[in-house]
PDB file of all heavy atoms in Angstrom:
ATOM      1  N   GLY A   1       5.232  29.124  20.506  1.00  0.00           N
ATOM      2  CA  GLY A   1       5.081  29.346  19.072  1.00  0.00           C
ATOM      3  C   GLY A   1       3.991  30.351  18.772  1.00  0.00           C
ATOM      4  O   GLY A   1       3.228  30.196  17.811  1.00  0.00           O
ATOM      5  N   THR A   2       3.909  31.394  19.590  1.00  0.00           N
ATOM      6  CA  THR A   2       2.840  32.380  19.440  1.00  0.00           C
ATOM      7  C   THR A   2       2.955  33.130  18.123  1.00  0.00           C
ATOM      8  O   THR A   2       1.946  33.471  17.506  1.00  0.00           O
ATOM      9  CB  THR A   2       2.871  33.360  20.624  1.00  0.00           C
ATOM     10  OG1 THR A   2       2.681  32.609  21.831  1.00  0.00           O
ATOM     11  CG2 THR A   2       1.790  34.414  20.511  1.00  0.00           C
ATOM     12  N   TYR A   3       4.187  33.419  17.705  1.00  0.00           N
ATOM     13  CA  TYR A   3       4.439  33.978  16.381  1.00  0.00           C
ATOM     14  C   TYR A   3       5.161  32.927  15.545  1.00  0.00           C
ATOM     15  O   TYR A   3       5.998  32.176  16.064  1.00  0.00           O
ATOM     16  CB  TYR A   3       5.296  35.242  16.465  1.00  0.00           C
ATOM     17  CG  TYR A   3       4.523  36.483  16.844  1.00  0.00           C
ATOM     18  CD1 TYR A   3       4.479  36.914  18.170  1.00  0.00           C
ATOM     19  CD2 TYR A   3       3.852  37.229  15.888  1.00  0.00           C
ATOM     20  CE1 TYR A   3       3.774  38.056  18.527  1.00  0.00           C
ATOM     21  CE2 TYR A   3       3.141  38.366  16.241  1.00  0.00           C
ATOM     22  CZ  TYR A   3       3.110  38.779  17.548  1.00  0.00           C
ATOM     23  OH  TYR A   3       2.400  39.905  17.886  1.00  0.00           O
ATOM     24  N   VAL A   4       4.831  32.871  14.281  1.00  0.00           N
ATOM     25  CA  VAL A   4       5.485  31.942  13.363  1.00  0.00           C
ATOM     26  C   VAL A   4       5.902  32.706  12.119  1.00  0.00           C
ATOM     27  O   VAL A   4       5.362  33.769  11.814  1.00  0.00           O
ATOM     28  CB  VAL A   4       4.551  30.774  12.972  1.00  0.00           C
ATOM     29  CG1 VAL A   4       4.184  29.941  14.183  1.00  0.00           C
ATOM     30  CG2 VAL A   4       3.289  31.290  12.277  1.00  0.00           C
ATOM     31  N   GLU A   5       6.855  32.172  11.415  1.00  0.00           N
ATOM     32  CA  GLU A   5       7.194  32.699  10.096  1.00  0.00           C
ATOM     33  C   GLU A   5       6.666  31.729   9.065  1.00  0.00           C
ATOM     34  O   GLU A   5       7.066  30.566   9.016  1.00  0.00           O
ATOM     35  CB  GLU A   5       8.700  32.898   9.932  1.00  0.00           C
ATOM     36  CG  GLU A   5       9.042  33.574   8.605  1.00  0.00           C
ATOM     37  CD  GLU A   5      10.489  34.012   8.518  1.00  0.00           C
ATOM     38  OE1 GLU A   5      10.972  34.655   9.461  1.00  0.00           O
ATOM     39  OE2 GLU A   5      11.122  33.694   7.496  1.00  0.00           O
ATOM     40  N   ALA A   6       5.721  32.196   8.258  1.00  0.00           N
ATOM     41  CA  ALA A   6       5.119  31.367   7.221  1.00  0.00           C
ATOM     42  C   ALA A   6       5.222  32.104   5.896  1.00  0.00           C
ATOM     43  O   ALA A   6       4.860  33.282   5.811  1.00  0.00           O
ATOM     44  CB  ALA A   6       3.654  31.063   7.544  1.00  0.00           C
ATOM     45  N   ASP A   7       5.757  31.417   4.898  1.00  0.00           N
ATOM     46  CA  ASP A   7       5.914  32.000   3.559  1.00  0.00           C
ATOM     47  C   ASP A   7       6.677  33.321   3.623  1.00  0.00           C
ATOM     48  O   ASP A   7       6.360  34.285   2.919  1.00  0.00           O
ATOM     49  CB  ASP A   7       4.543  32.192   2.896  1.00  0.00           C
ATOM     50  CG  ASP A   7       3.771  30.887   2.807  1.00  0.00           C
ATOM     51  OD1 ASP A   7       4.223  29.996   2.072  1.00  0.00           O
ATOM     52  OD2 ASP A   7       2.761  30.748   3.504  1.00  0.00           O
ATOM     53  N   GLY A   8       7.679  33.360   4.515  1.00  0.00           N
ATOM     54  CA  GLY A   8       8.552  34.513   4.609  1.00  0.00           C
ATOM     55  C   GLY A   8       7.996  35.691   5.368  1.00  0.00           C
ATOM     56  O   GLY A   8       8.615  36.759   5.387  1.00  0.00           O
ATOM     57  N   VAL A   9       6.846  35.538   6.032  1.00  0.00           N
ATOM     58  CA  VAL A   9       6.210  36.642   6.745  1.00  0.00           C
ATOM     59  C   VAL A   9       6.035  36.265   8.212  1.00  0.00           C
ATOM     60  O   VAL A   9       5.438  35.228   8.527  1.00  0.00           O
ATOM     61  CB  VAL A   9       4.839  36.991   6.125  1.00  0.00           C
ATOM     62  CG1 VAL A   9       4.168  38.118   6.915  1.00  0.00           C
ATOM     63  CG2 VAL A   9       4.991  37.398   4.658  1.00  0.00           C
ATOM     64  N   LEU A  10       6.537  37.106   9.112  1.00  0.00           N
ATOM     65  CA  LEU A  10       6.294  36.909  10.541  1.00  0.00           C
ATOM     66  C   LEU A  10       4.841  37.235  10.840  1.00  0.00           C
ATOM     67  O   LEU A  10       4.339  38.299  10.467  1.00  0.00           O
ATOM     68  CB  LEU A  10       7.212  37.818  11.357  1.00  0.00           C
ATOM     69  CG  LEU A  10       7.094  37.712  12.877  1.00  0.00           C
ATOM     70  CD1 LEU A  10       7.550  36.346  13.361  1.00  0.00           C
ATOM     71  CD2 LEU A  10       7.893  38.826  13.554  1.00  0.00           C
ATOM     72  N   GLN A  11       4.141  36.317  11.521  1.00  0.00           N
ATOM     73  CA  GLN A  11       2.709  36.490  11.744  1.00  0.00           C
ATOM     74  C   GLN A  11       2.269  35.705  12.975  1.00  0.00           C
ATOM     75  O   GLN A  11       2.955  34.779  13.413  1.00  0.00           O
ATOM     76  CB  GLN A  11       1.921  36.022  10.523  1.00  0.00           C
ATOM     77  CG  GLN A  11       2.201  34.591  10.094  1.00  0.00           C
ATOM     78  CD  GLN A  11       1.656  34.289   8.717  1.00  0.00           C
ATOM     79  OE1 GLN A  11       0.481  33.959   8.563  1.00  0.00           O
ATOM     80  NE2 GLN A  11       2.517  34.396   7.710  1.00  0.00           N
ATOM     81  N   PRO A  12       1.110  36.070  13.545  1.00  0.00           N
ATOM     82  CA  PRO A  12       0.631  35.325  14.713  1.00  0.00           C
ATOM     83  C   PRO A  12       0.172  33.933  14.318  1.00  0.00           C
ATOM     84  O   PRO A  12      -0.435  33.731  13.254  1.00  0.00           O
ATOM     85  CB  PRO A  12      -0.552  36.169  15.205  1.00  0.00           C
ATOM     86  CG  PRO A  12      -0.997  36.941  13.996  1.00  0.00           C
ATOM     87  CD  PRO A  12       0.226  37.197  13.193  1.00  0.00           C
ATOM     88  N   ALA A  13       0.467  32.982  15.171  1.00  0.00           N
ATOM     89  CA  ALA A  13      -0.004  31.615  14.957  1.00  0.00           C
ATOM     90  C   ALA A  13      -1.496  31.533  15.255  1.00  0.00           C
ATOM     91  O   ALA A  13      -2.039  32.357  15.984  1.00  0.00           O
ATOM     92  CB  ALA A  13       0.757  30.653  15.861  1.00  0.00           C
ATOM     93  N   PRO A  14      -2.192  30.545  14.693  1.00  0.00           N
ATOM     94  CA  PRO A  14      -3.614  30.370  15.013  1.00  0.00           C
ATOM     95  C   PRO A  14      -3.827  30.174  16.504  1.00  0.00           C
ATOM     96  O   PRO A  14      -2.994  29.601  17.211  1.00  0.00           O
ATOM     97  CB  PRO A  14      -4.002  29.115  14.235  1.00  0.00           C
ATOM     98  CG  PRO A  14      -3.040  29.059  13.090  1.00  0.00           C
ATOM     99  CD  PRO A  14      -1.746  29.585  13.651  1.00  0.00           C
ATOM    100  N   ALA A  15      -4.944  30.655  16.990  1.00  0.00           N
ATOM    101  CA  ALA A  15      -5.316  30.526  18.400  1.00  0.00           C
ATOM    102  C   ALA A  15      -6.838  30.471  18.480  1.00  0.00           C
ATOM    103  O   ALA A  15      -7.515  30.978  17.586  1.00  0.00           O
ATOM    104  CB  ALA A  15      -4.779  31.712  19.207  1.00  0.00           C
ATOM    105  N   PRO A  16      -7.392  29.835  19.533  1.00  0.00           N
ATOM    106  CA  PRO A  16      -6.715  29.170  20.639  1.00  0.00           C
ATOM    107  C   PRO A  16      -6.225  27.779  20.257  1.00  0.00           C
ATOM    108  O   PRO A  16      -6.466  27.305  19.139  1.00  0.00           O
ATOM    109  CB  PRO A  16      -7.816  29.096  21.699  1.00  0.00           C
ATOM    110  CG  PRO A  16      -9.080  28.964  20.899  1.00  0.00           C
ATOM    111  CD  PRO A  16      -8.865  29.825  19.690  1.00  0.00           C
ATOM    112  N   ARG A  17      -5.559  27.107  21.208  1.00  0.00           N
ATOM    113  CA  ARG A  17      -4.983  25.786  20.959  1.00  0.00           C
ATOM    114  C   ARG A  17      -6.004  24.706  21.290  1.00  0.00           C
ATOM    115  O   ARG A  17      -6.572  24.694  22.378  1.00  0.00           O
ATOM    116  CB  ARG A  17      -3.729  25.579  21.809  1.00  0.00           C
ATOM    117  CG  ARG A  17      -2.737  26.747  21.802  1.00  0.00           C
ATOM    118  CD  ARG A  17      -2.166  27.002  20.412  1.00  0.00           C
ATOM    119  NE  ARG A  17      -1.358  28.213  20.380  1.00  0.00           N
ATOM    120  CZ  ARG A  17      -0.060  28.262  20.692  1.00  0.00           C
ATOM    121  NH1 ARG A  17       0.564  27.178  21.103  1.00  0.00           N
ATOM    122  NH2 ARG A  17       0.601  29.397  20.605  1.00  0.00           N
ATOM    123  N   LEU A  18      -6.231  23.800  20.374  1.00  0.00           N
ATOM    124  CA  LEU A  18      -7.122  22.666  20.602  1.00  0.00           C
ATOM    125  C   LEU A  18      -6.281  21.400  20.664  1.00  0.00           C
ATOM    126  O   LEU A  18      -5.402  21.188  19.818  1.00  0.00           O
ATOM    127  CB  LEU A  18      -8.170  22.553  19.491  1.00  0.00           C
ATOM    128  CG  LEU A  18      -9.360  23.522  19.584  1.00  0.00           C
ATOM    129  CD1 LEU A  18      -8.975  24.942  19.197  1.00  0.00           C
ATOM    130  CD2 LEU A  18     -10.517  23.037  18.714  1.00  0.00           C
ATOM    131  N   SER A  19      -6.555  20.538  21.637  1.00  0.00           N
ATOM    132  CA  SER A  19      -5.679  19.397  21.890  1.00  0.00           C
ATOM    133  C   SER A  19      -5.800  18.299  20.839  1.00  0.00           C
ATOM    134  O   SER A  19      -4.804  17.660  20.491  1.00  0.00           O
ATOM    135  CB  SER A  19      -5.974  18.818  23.274  1.00  0.00           C
ATOM    136  OG  SER A  19      -7.304  18.322  23.342  1.00  0.00           O
ATOM    137  N   ARG A  20      -7.007  18.055  20.315  1.00  0.00           N
ATOM    138  CA  ARG A  20      -7.197  16.917  19.410  1.00  0.00           C
ATOM    139  C   ARG A  20      -7.284  17.333  17.950  1.00  0.00           C
ATOM    140  O   ARG A  20      -6.865  16.578  17.059  1.00  0.00           O
ATOM    141  CB  ARG A  20      -8.466  16.154  19.826  1.00  0.00           C
ATOM    142  CG  ARG A  20      -8.660  14.835  19.078  1.00  0.00           C
ATOM    143  CD  ARG A  20      -9.800  14.022  19.682  1.00  0.00           C
ATOM    144  NE  ARG A  20     -11.041  14.778  19.758  1.00  0.00           N
ATOM    145  CZ  ARG A  20     -11.864  14.983  18.712  1.00  0.00           C
ATOM    146  NH1 ARG A  20     -11.573  14.471  17.535  1.00  0.00           N
ATOM    147  NH2 ARG A  20     -12.979  15.673  18.873  1.00  0.00           N
ATOM    148  N   THR A  21      -7.835  18.524  17.681  1.00  0.00           N
ATOM    149  CA  THR A  21      -7.977  18.985  16.302  1.00  0.00           C
ATOM    150  C   THR A  21      -7.342  20.367  16.175  1.00  0.00           C
ATOM    151  O   THR A  21      -8.031  21.374  16.058  1.00  0.00           O
ATOM    152  CB  THR A  21      -9.461  19.048  15.888  1.00  0.00           C
ATOM    153  OG1 THR A  21     -10.169  19.882  16.825  1.00  0.00           O
ATOM    154  CG2 THR A  21     -10.086  17.672  15.866  1.00  0.00           C
ATOM    155  N   PRO A  22      -6.012  20.419  16.235  1.00  0.00           N
ATOM    156  CA  PRO A  22      -5.340  21.722  16.280  1.00  0.00           C
ATOM    157  C   PRO A  22      -5.527  22.524  15.005  1.00  0.00           C
ATOM    158  O   PRO A  22      -5.688  21.981  13.913  1.00  0.00           O
ATOM    159  CB  PRO A  22      -3.874  21.335  16.489  1.00  0.00           C
ATOM    160  CG  PRO A  22      -3.758  19.948  15.928  1.00  0.00           C
ATOM    161  CD  PRO A  22      -5.057  19.289  16.242  1.00  0.00           C
ATOM    162  N   ALA A  23      -5.494  23.830  15.178  1.00  0.00           N
ATOM    163  CA  ALA A  23      -5.558  24.741  14.044  1.00  0.00           C
ATOM    164  C   ALA A  23      -4.177  24.863  13.408  1.00  0.00           C
ATOM    165  O   ALA A  23      -3.171  24.471  13.990  1.00  0.00           O
ATOM    166  CB  ALA A  23      -6.039  26.113  14.515  1.00  0.00           C
ATOM    167  N   ALA A  24      -4.139  25.409  12.196  1.00  0.00           N
ATOM    168  CA  ALA A  24      -2.870  25.572  11.493  1.00  0.00           C
ATOM    169  C   ALA A  24      -3.008  26.651  10.434  1.00  0.00           C
ATOM    170  O   ALA A  24      -4.118  26.934   9.958  1.00  0.00           O
ATOM    171  CB  ALA A  24      -2.441  24.254  10.841  1.00  0.00           C
ATOM    172  N   VAL A  25      -1.876  27.268  10.085  1.00  0.00           N
ATOM    173  CA  VAL A  25      -1.855  28.157   8.922  1.00  0.00           C
ATOM    174  C   VAL A  25      -1.971  27.275   7.695  1.00  0.00           C
ATOM    175  O   VAL A  25      -1.071  26.489   7.384  1.00  0.00           O
ATOM    176  CB  VAL A  25      -0.561  28.987   8.880  1.00  0.00           C
ATOM    177  CG1 VAL A  25      -0.521  29.841   7.611  1.00  0.00           C
ATOM    178  CG2 VAL A  25      -0.445  29.867  10.110  1.00  0.00           C
ATOM    179  N   ALA A  26      -3.099  27.374   6.994  1.00  0.00           N
ATOM    180  CA  ALA A  26      -3.404  26.421   5.922  1.00  0.00           C
ATOM    181  C   ALA A  26      -2.687  26.730   4.614  1.00  0.00           C
ATOM    182  O   ALA A  26      -2.651  25.880   3.721  1.00  0.00           O
ATOM    183  CB  ALA A  26      -4.914  26.391   5.677  1.00  0.00           C
ATOM    184  N   GLY A  27      -2.118  27.916   4.494  1.00  0.00           N
ATOM    185  CA  GLY A  27      -1.439  28.253   3.256  1.00  0.00           C
ATOM    186  C   GLY A  27      -1.234  29.745   3.153  1.00  0.00           C
ATOM    187  O   GLY A  27      -1.739  30.518   3.975  1.00  0.00           O
ATOM    188  N   PRO A  28      -0.517  30.202   2.143  1.00  0.00           N
ATOM    189  CA  PRO A  28      -0.232  31.626   2.002  1.00  0.00           C
ATOM    190  C   PRO A  28      -1.449  32.400   1.508  1.00  0.00           C
ATOM    191  O   PRO A  28      -2.415  31.803   1.012  1.00  0.00           O
ATOM    192  CB  PRO A  28       0.882  31.648   0.957  1.00  0.00           C
ATOM    193  CG  PRO A  28       0.619  30.434   0.113  1.00  0.00           C
ATOM    194  CD  PRO A  28       0.099  29.396   1.073  1.00  0.00           C
ATOM    195  N   PRO A  29      -1.423  33.725   1.623  1.00  0.00           N
ATOM    196  CA  PRO A  29      -2.506  34.532   1.063  1.00  0.00           C
ATOM    197  C   PRO A  29      -2.525  34.377  -0.459  1.00  0.00           C
ATOM    198  O   PRO A  29      -1.468  34.348  -1.092  1.00  0.00           O
ATOM    199  CB  PRO A  29      -2.136  35.970   1.458  1.00  0.00           C
ATOM    200  CG  PRO A  29      -1.115  35.835   2.536  1.00  0.00           C
ATOM    201  CD  PRO A  29      -0.400  34.554   2.291  1.00  0.00           C
ATOM    202  N   PRO A  30      -3.701  34.275  -1.059  1.00  0.00           N
ATOM    203  CA  PRO A  30      -3.753  34.108  -2.515  1.00  0.00           C
ATOM    204  C   PRO A  30      -3.689  35.440  -3.241  1.00  0.00           C
ATOM    205  O   PRO A  30      -4.070  36.484  -2.710  1.00  0.00           O
ATOM    206  CB  PRO A  30      -5.128  33.471  -2.728  1.00  0.00           C
ATOM    207  CG  PRO A  30      -5.963  34.061  -1.629  1.00  0.00           C
ATOM    208  CD  PRO A  30      -5.036  34.217  -0.453  1.00  0.00           C
ATOM    209  N   ARG A  31      -3.211  35.419  -4.451  1.00  0.00           N
ATOM    210  CA  ARG A  31      -3.389  36.545  -5.354  1.00  0.00           C
ATOM    211  C   ARG A  31      -4.837  36.512  -5.840  1.00  0.00           C
ATOM    212  O   ARG A  31      -5.416  35.434  -6.000  1.00  0.00           O
ATOM    213  CB  ARG A  31      -2.446  36.433  -6.550  1.00  0.00           C
ATOM    214  CG  ARG A  31      -0.968  36.448  -6.170  1.00  0.00           C
ATOM    215  CD  ARG A  31      -0.497  37.834  -5.868  1.00  0.00           C
ATOM    216  NE  ARG A  31       0.912  37.864  -5.464  1.00  0.00           N
ATOM    217  CZ  ARG A  31       1.570  38.970  -5.174  1.00  0.00           C
ATOM    218  NH1 ARG A  31       0.949  40.144  -5.234  1.00  0.00           N
ATOM    219  NH2 ARG A  31       2.842  38.933  -4.809  1.00  0.00           N
ATOM    220  N   PRO A  32      -5.454  37.679  -6.063  1.00  0.00           N
ATOM    221  CA  PRO A  32      -6.843  37.676  -6.553  1.00  0.00           C
ATOM    222  C   PRO A  32      -6.992  36.857  -7.824  1.00  0.00           C
ATOM    223  O   PRO A  32      -6.278  37.065  -8.795  1.00  0.00           O
ATOM    224  CB  PRO A  32      -7.115  39.167  -6.797  1.00  0.00           C
ATOM    225  CG  PRO A  32      -6.217  39.870  -5.834  1.00  0.00           C
ATOM    226  CD  PRO A  32      -4.963  39.051  -5.793  1.00  0.00           C
ATOM    227  N   GLY A  33      -7.911  35.899  -7.773  1.00  0.00           N
ATOM    228  CA  GLY A  33      -8.175  35.053  -8.927  1.00  0.00           C
ATOM    229  C   GLY A  33      -7.181  33.943  -9.145  1.00  0.00           C
ATOM    230  O   GLY A  33      -7.259  33.223 -10.152  1.00  0.00           O
ATOM    231  N   GLU A  34      -6.267  33.735  -8.226  1.00  0.00           N
ATOM    232  CA  GLU A  34      -5.200  32.749  -8.412  1.00  0.00           C
ATOM    233  C   GLU A  34      -5.728  31.331  -8.611  1.00  0.00           C
ATOM    234  O   GLU A  34      -5.117  30.524  -9.311  1.00  0.00           O
ATOM    235  CB  GLU A  34      -4.259  32.792  -7.203  1.00  0.00           C
ATOM    236  CG  GLU A  34      -3.087  31.832  -7.264  1.00  0.00           C
ATOM    237  CD  GLU A  34      -2.168  31.948  -6.060  1.00  0.00           C
ATOM    238  OE1 GLU A  34      -2.259  32.948  -5.323  1.00  0.00           O
ATOM    239  OE2 GLU A  34      -1.345  31.026  -5.866  1.00  0.00           O
ATOM    240  N   HIS A  35      -6.875  31.028  -8.023  1.00  0.00           N
ATOM    241  CA  HIS A  35      -7.384  29.648  -8.059  1.00  0.00           C
ATOM    242  C   HIS A  35      -8.728  29.544  -8.782  1.00  0.00           C
ATOM    243  O   HIS A  35      -9.503  28.621  -8.513  1.00  0.00           O
ATOM    244  CB  HIS A  35      -7.524  29.114  -6.630  1.00  0.00           C
ATOM    245  CG  HIS A  35      -6.305  29.271  -5.795  1.00  0.00           C
ATOM    246  ND1 HIS A  35      -6.128  30.312  -4.915  1.00  0.00           N
ATOM    247  CD2 HIS A  35      -5.178  28.512  -5.725  1.00  0.00           C
ATOM    248  CE1 HIS A  35      -4.952  30.188  -4.310  1.00  0.00           C
ATOM    249  NE2 HIS A  35      -4.356  29.115  -4.785  1.00  0.00           N
ATOM    250  N   THR A  36      -9.011  30.472  -9.672  1.00  0.00           N
ATOM    251  CA  THR A  36     -10.349  30.526 -10.268  1.00  0.00           C
ATOM    252  C   THR A  36     -10.757  29.192 -10.884  1.00  0.00           C
ATOM    253  O   THR A  36     -11.801  28.623 -10.529  1.00  0.00           O
ATOM    254  CB  THR A  36     -10.419  31.640 -11.328  1.00  0.00           C
ATOM    255  OG1 THR A  36     -10.212  32.906 -10.674  1.00  0.00           O
ATOM    256  CG2 THR A  36     -11.784  31.653 -12.003  1.00  0.00           C
ATOM    257  N   ASP A  37      -9.975  28.687 -11.807  1.00  0.00           N
ATOM    258  CA  ASP A  37     -10.351  27.439 -12.492  1.00  0.00           C
ATOM    259  C   ASP A  37     -10.393  26.269 -11.524  1.00  0.00           C
ATOM    260  O   ASP A  37     -11.309  25.434 -11.563  1.00  0.00           O
ATOM    261  CB  ASP A  37      -9.368  27.146 -13.623  1.00  0.00           C
ATOM    262  CG  ASP A  37      -9.503  28.109 -14.791  1.00  0.00           C
ATOM    263  OD1 ASP A  37     -10.299  29.065 -14.679  1.00  0.00           O
ATOM    264  OD2 ASP A  37      -8.813  27.922 -15.803  1.00  0.00           O
ATOM    265  N   GLU A  38      -9.406  26.212 -10.642  1.00  0.00           N
ATOM    266  CA  GLU A  38      -9.316  25.112  -9.678  1.00  0.00           C
ATOM    267  C   GLU A  38     -10.541  25.062  -8.778  1.00  0.00           C
ATOM    268  O   GLU A  38     -11.130  23.997  -8.546  1.00  0.00           O
ATOM    269  CB  GLU A  38      -8.036  25.310  -8.869  1.00  0.00           C
ATOM    270  CG  GLU A  38      -7.827  24.357  -7.723  1.00  0.00           C
ATOM    271  CD  GLU A  38      -6.625  24.760  -6.885  1.00  0.00           C
ATOM    272  OE1 GLU A  38      -5.655  25.317  -7.449  1.00  0.00           O
ATOM    273  OE2 GLU A  38      -6.658  24.524  -5.655  1.00  0.00           O
ATOM    274  N   VAL A  39     -10.946  26.227  -8.257  1.00  0.00           N
ATOM    275  CA  VAL A  39     -12.090  26.273  -7.346  1.00  0.00           C
ATOM    276  C   VAL A  39     -13.388  25.961  -8.085  1.00  0.00           C
ATOM    277  O   VAL A  39     -14.221  25.173  -7.606  1.00  0.00           O
ATOM    278  CB  VAL A  39     -12.176  27.653  -6.656  1.00  0.00           C
ATOM    279  CG1 VAL A  39     -13.520  27.825  -5.960  1.00  0.00           C
ATOM    280  CG2 VAL A  39     -11.037  27.813  -5.667  1.00  0.00           C
ATOM    281  N   LEU A  40     -13.586  26.575  -9.233  1.00  0.00           N
ATOM    282  CA  LEU A  40     -14.838  26.341  -9.962  1.00  0.00           C
ATOM    283  C   LEU A  40     -14.983  24.871 -10.320  1.00  0.00           C
ATOM    284  O   LEU A  40     -16.093  24.315 -10.252  1.00  0.00           O
ATOM    285  CB  LEU A  40     -14.895  27.220 -11.208  1.00  0.00           C
ATOM    286  CG  LEU A  40     -15.004  28.730 -10.962  1.00  0.00           C
ATOM    287  CD1 LEU A  40     -15.051  29.478 -12.284  1.00  0.00           C
ATOM    288  CD2 LEU A  40     -16.229  29.061 -10.116  1.00  0.00           C
TER     289      LEU A  40
END
């Protein structure tokens, strides 16, 4: 699973691999300011 398709885009998967606390693509790229109110 070195490459994955996430949100319609082919991209490299997170690396390196950790056995107990694996990494993951946490979400799509944001639009600038998309989460302003939510984050604040």
